[in-house]
C-alpha atoms as a PDB file:
ATOM      1  CA  UNK A   1     -40.630  -2.915 -93.715  1.00  0.00           C
ATOM      2  CA  UNK A   2     -44.171  -2.979 -92.913  1.00  0.00           C
ATOM      3  CA  UNK A   3     -46.043  -1.949 -89.556  1.00  0.00           C
ATOM      4  CA  UNK A   4     -49.536  -1.159 -88.409  1.00  0.00           C
ATOM      5  CA  UNK A   5     -51.028   1.640 -90.448  1.00  0.00           C
ATOM      6  CA  UNK A   6     -49.005   1.216 -93.528  1.00  0.00           C
ATOM      7  CA  UNK A   7     -51.015   1.785 -96.605  1.00  0.00           C
ATOM      8  CA  UNK A   8     -49.915  -0.658 -99.362  1.00  0.00           C
ATOM      9  CA  UNK A   9     -50.709  -1.014-103.388  1.00  0.00           C
ATOM     10  CA  UNK A  10     -52.913  -4.362-104.164  1.00  0.00           C
ATOM     11  CA  UNK A  11     -51.254  -5.589-107.334  1.00  0.00           C
ATOM     12  CA  UNK A  12     -53.824  -8.452-108.069  1.00  0.00           C
ATOM     13  CA  UNK A  13     -57.121  -7.984-110.334  1.00  0.00           C
ATOM     14  CA  UNK A  14     -59.192  -8.645-106.906  1.00  0.00           C
ATOM     15  CA  UNK A  15     -60.879  -4.962-107.604  1.00  0.00           C
ATOM     16  CA  UNK A  16     -58.824  -3.136-104.326  1.00  0.00           C
ATOM     17  CA  UNK A  17     -56.857  -0.226-104.968  1.00  0.00           C
ATOM     18  CA  UNK A  18     -55.113   0.296-101.548  1.00  0.00           C
ATOM     19  CA  UNK A  19     -55.330  -1.174 -98.152  1.00  0.00           C
ATOM     20  CA  UNK A  20     -54.073  -0.696 -95.188  1.00  0.00           C
ATOM     21  CA  UNK A  21     -51.945  -2.782 -92.603  1.00  0.00           C
ATOM     22  CA  UNK A  22     -54.046  -3.568 -89.292  1.00  0.00           C
ATOM     23  CA  UNK A  23     -51.846  -6.636 -87.866  1.00  0.00           C
ATOM     24  CA  UNK A  24     -48.546  -8.150 -88.479  1.00  0.00           C
ATOM     25  CA  UNK A  25     -49.141 -11.693 -88.080  1.00  0.00           C
ATOM     26  CA  UNK A  26     -46.618 -14.253 -87.696  1.00  0.00           C
ATOM     27  CA  UNK A  27     -43.961 -14.834 -84.795  1.00  0.00           C
ATOM     28  CA  UNK A  28     -43.846 -13.720 -81.190  1.00  0.00           C
ATOM     29  CA  UNK A  29     -43.780  -9.866 -80.908  1.00  0.00           C
ATOM     30  CA  UNK A  30     -43.434  -8.961 -84.368  1.00  0.00           C
ATOM     31  CA  UNK A  31     -43.350  -5.426 -85.208  1.00  0.00           C
ATOM     32  CA  UNK A  32     -42.558  -5.415 -88.449  1.00  0.00           C
ATOM     33  CA  UNK A  33     -43.682  -7.655 -91.987  1.00  0.00           C
ATOM     34  CA  UNK A  34     -41.149  -8.333 -94.691  1.00  0.00           C
ATOM     35  CA  UNK A  35     -41.392  -9.737 -98.078  1.00  0.00           C
ATOM     36  CA  UNK A  36     -43.357 -13.097 -97.614  1.00  0.00           C
ATOM     37  CA  UNK A  37     -45.273 -12.472 -94.726  1.00  0.00           C
ATOM     38  CA  UNK A  38     -48.783 -12.794 -94.203  1.00  0.00           C
ATOM     39  CA  UNK A  39     -50.415 -10.098 -92.767  1.00  0.00           C
ATOM     40  CA  UNK A  40     -54.370  -8.538 -91.784  1.00  0.00           C
ATOM     41  CA  UNK A  41     -55.041  -5.608 -93.792  1.00  0.00           C
ATOM     42  CA  UNK A  42     -58.409  -3.574 -94.395  1.00  0.00           C
ATOM     43  CA  UNK A  43     -59.673  -2.505 -97.754  1.00  0.00           C
ATOM     44  CA  UNK A  44     -59.459   1.490 -98.317  1.00  0.00           C
ATOM     45  CA  UNK A  45     -60.220   2.206-102.062  1.00  0.00           C
ATOM     46  CA  UNK A  46     -61.448   0.274-104.954  1.00  0.00           C
ATOM     47  CA  UNK A  47     -60.210   0.708-108.504  1.00  0.00           C
ATOM     48  CA  UNK A  48     -62.788   2.836-110.372  1.00  0.00           C
ATOM     49  CA  UNK A  49     -63.627   0.488-113.347  1.00  0.00           C
ATOM     50  CA  UNK A  50     -64.140  -2.748-111.231  1.00  0.00           C
ATOM     51  CA  UNK A  51     -66.449  -1.354-108.490  1.00  0.00           C
ATOM     52  CA  UNK A  52     -69.289  -3.248-109.799  1.00  0.00           C
ATOM     53  CA  UNK A  53     -67.506  -6.638-110.371  1.00  0.00           C
ATOM     54  CA  UNK A  54     -65.177  -6.263-107.432  1.00  0.00           C
ATOM     55  CA  UNK A  55     -64.753  -9.519-105.484  1.00  0.00           C
ATOM     56  CA  UNK A  56     -64.140  -7.389-102.357  1.00  0.00           C
ATOM     57  CA  UNK A  57     -65.890  -4.393-100.429  1.00  0.00           C
ATOM     58  CA  UNK A  58     -64.570  -1.344 -98.848  1.00  0.00           C
ATOM     59  CA  UNK A  59     -63.600  -1.598 -95.537  1.00  0.00           C
ATOM     60  CA  UNK A  60     -63.426  -5.677 -95.716  1.00  0.00           C
ATOM     61  CA  UNK A  61     -60.863  -7.115 -93.626  1.00  0.00           C
ATOM     62  CA  UNK A  62     -58.762  -9.871 -95.546  1.00  0.00           C
ATOM     63  CA  UNK A  63     -55.399 -11.392 -95.170  1.00  0.00           C
ATOM     64  CA  UNK A  64     -52.530 -10.160 -97.620  1.00  0.00           C
ATOM     65  CA  UNK A  65     -49.029 -11.514 -98.582  1.00  0.00           C
ATOM     66  CA  UNK A  66     -46.411  -8.952 -98.573  1.00  0.00           C
ATOM     67  CA  UNK A  67     -44.355  -9.117-102.124  1.00  0.00           C
ATOM     68  CA  UNK A  68     -42.876  -5.985-102.563  1.00  0.00           C
ATOM     69  CA  UNK A  69     -40.781  -3.601-100.059  1.00  0.00           C
ATOM     70  CA  UNK A  70     -39.460   0.017-100.092  1.00  0.00           C
ATOM     71  CA  UNK A  71     -36.984  -1.314 -97.806  1.00  0.00           C
ATOM     72  CA  UNK A  72     -34.130  -3.404 -98.799  1.00  0.00           C
ATOM     73  CA  UNK A  73     -34.316  -7.253 -98.178  1.00  0.00           C
ATOM     74  CA  UNK A  74     -31.251  -9.337 -98.336  1.00  0.00           C
ATOM     75  CA  UNK A  75     -31.194 -12.457-100.297  1.00  0.00           C
ATOM     76  CA  UNK A  76     -29.112 -15.800 -98.913  1.00  0.00           C
ATOM     77  CA  UNK A  77     -26.327 -14.802-101.779  1.00  0.00           C
ATOM     78  CA  UNK A  78     -26.085 -11.134 -99.975  1.00  0.00           C
ATOM     79  CA  UNK A  79     -28.146  -9.746-102.776  1.00  0.00           C
ATOM     80  CA  UNK A  80     -30.493  -6.841-101.602  1.00  0.00           C
ATOM     81  CA  UNK A  81     -33.723  -6.511-103.119  1.00  0.00           C
ATOM     82  CA  UNK A  82     -35.619  -3.105-103.642  1.00  0.00           C
ATOM     83  CA  UNK A  83     -38.558  -2.007-104.925  1.00  0.00           C
ATOM     84  CA  UNK A  84     -40.417   1.225-105.642  1.00  0.00           C
ATOM     85  CA  UNK A  85     -43.756   0.858-103.806  1.00  0.00           C
ATOM     86  CA  UNK A  86     -44.937  -1.487-100.822  1.00  0.00           C
ATOM     87  CA  UNK A  87     -47.484  -4.077-102.334  1.00  0.00           C
ATOM     88  CA  UNK A  88     -49.412  -7.143-101.383  1.00  0.00           C
ATOM     89  CA  UNK A  89     -51.742  -9.694-103.057  1.00  0.00           C
ATOM     90  CA  UNK A  90     -54.944 -10.614-101.357  1.00  0.00           C
ATOM     91  CA  UNK A  91     -55.512 -13.726 -99.782  1.00  0.00           C
ATOM     92  CA  UNK A  92     -58.563 -16.202 -98.548  1.00  0.00           C
ATOM     93  CA  UNK A  93     -58.614 -17.143 -95.129  1.00  0.00           C
ATOM     94  CA  UNK A  94     -57.425 -20.520 -96.627  1.00  0.00           C
ATOM     95  CA  UNK A  95     -54.374 -18.567 -97.949  1.00  0.00           C
ATOM     96  CA  UNK A  96     -55.200 -18.991-101.889  1.00  0.00           C
ATOM     97  CA  UNK A  97     -55.051 -16.115-103.874  1.00  0.00           C
ATOM     98  CA  UNK A  98     -58.277 -14.043-104.522  1.00  0.00           C
ATOM     99  CA  UNK A  99     -57.462 -12.534-108.034  1.00  0.00           C
ATOM    100  CA  UNK A 100     -56.714 -14.760-111.092  1.00  0.00           C
ATOM    101  CA  UNK A 101     -53.562 -12.183-112.198  1.00  0.00           C
ATOM    102  CA  UNK A 102     -50.538 -10.548-110.797  1.00  0.00           C
ATOM    103  CA  UNK A 103     -49.547  -7.611-112.256  1.00  0.00           C
ATOM    104  CA  UNK A 104     -45.894  -6.847-112.165  1.00  0.00           C
ATOM    105  CA  UNK A 105     -42.616  -9.049-111.032  1.00  0.00           C
ATOM    106  CA  UNK A 106     -42.055 -10.781-107.855  1.00  0.00           C
ATOM    107  CA  UNK A 107     -38.587 -11.736-105.928  1.00  0.00           C
ATOM    108  CA  UNK A 108     -37.631 -15.376-107.224  1.00  0.00           C
ATOM    109  CA  UNK A 109     -37.754 -16.747-103.648  1.00  0.00           C
ATOM    110  CA  UNK A 110     -41.803 -17.113-103.915  1.00  0.00           C
ATOM    111  CA  UNK A 111     -40.708 -19.845-105.723  1.00  0.00           C
ATOM    112  CA  UNK A 112     -39.349 -22.133-103.167  1.00  0.00           C
ATOM    113  CA  UNK A 113     -41.998 -21.315-100.381  1.00  0.00           C
ATOM    114  CA  UNK A 114     -45.579 -22.463-100.367  1.00  0.00           C
ATOM    115  CA  UNK A 115     -47.022 -19.582-102.192  1.00  0.00           C
ATOM    116  CA  UNK A 116     -45.730 -21.413-105.518  1.00  0.00           C
ATOM    117  CA  UNK A 117     -49.161 -20.796-106.980  1.00  0.00           C
ATOM    118  CA  UNK A 118     -48.720 -16.857-106.714  1.00  0.00           C
ATOM    119  CA  UNK A 119     -45.216 -17.097-108.653  1.00  0.00           C
ATOM    120  CA  UNK A 120     -46.870 -18.896-111.097  1.00  0.00           C
ATOM    121  CA  UNK A 121     -49.674 -16.104-111.507  1.00  0.00           C
ATOM    122  CA  UNK A 122     -47.102 -13.262-112.171  1.00  0.00           C
ATOM    123  CA  UNK A 123     -45.752 -11.895-115.014  1.00  0.00           C
ATOM    124  CA  UNK A 124     -42.254 -12.909-114.221  1.00  0.00           C
ATOM    125  CA  UNK A 125     -39.378 -13.120-111.176  1.00  0.00           C
ATOM    126  CA  UNK A 126     -36.651 -10.982-110.133  1.00  0.00           C
ATOM    127  CA  UNK A 127     -33.167 -12.319-108.584  1.00  0.00           C
END
């Protein structure tokens, strides 16, 4: 579960390393975001080797898609899916990914949503 003030890892090649959640967007009075939700984030750290060619700047406010959470999330078939870290993929205002590669695996549920482009950029899908 992601809430305001949560630090997250960025797993694409946009140039950002860590971001902080500012706002949980979808729904009425939503306090927490889970896998598949779009949140508003602020860039806190950049990757050291990519500072010159980074597509984002430190302090920039962007939208991000939550792709991994530490807290378990239940699938429709009663399987629970848990990751070791909280991770996001940075998005443009039109909900397209900023990076061209995604490192690591993603949940298989992204194959059946409007974020199919992100599922095709990833290394693999789990469950």
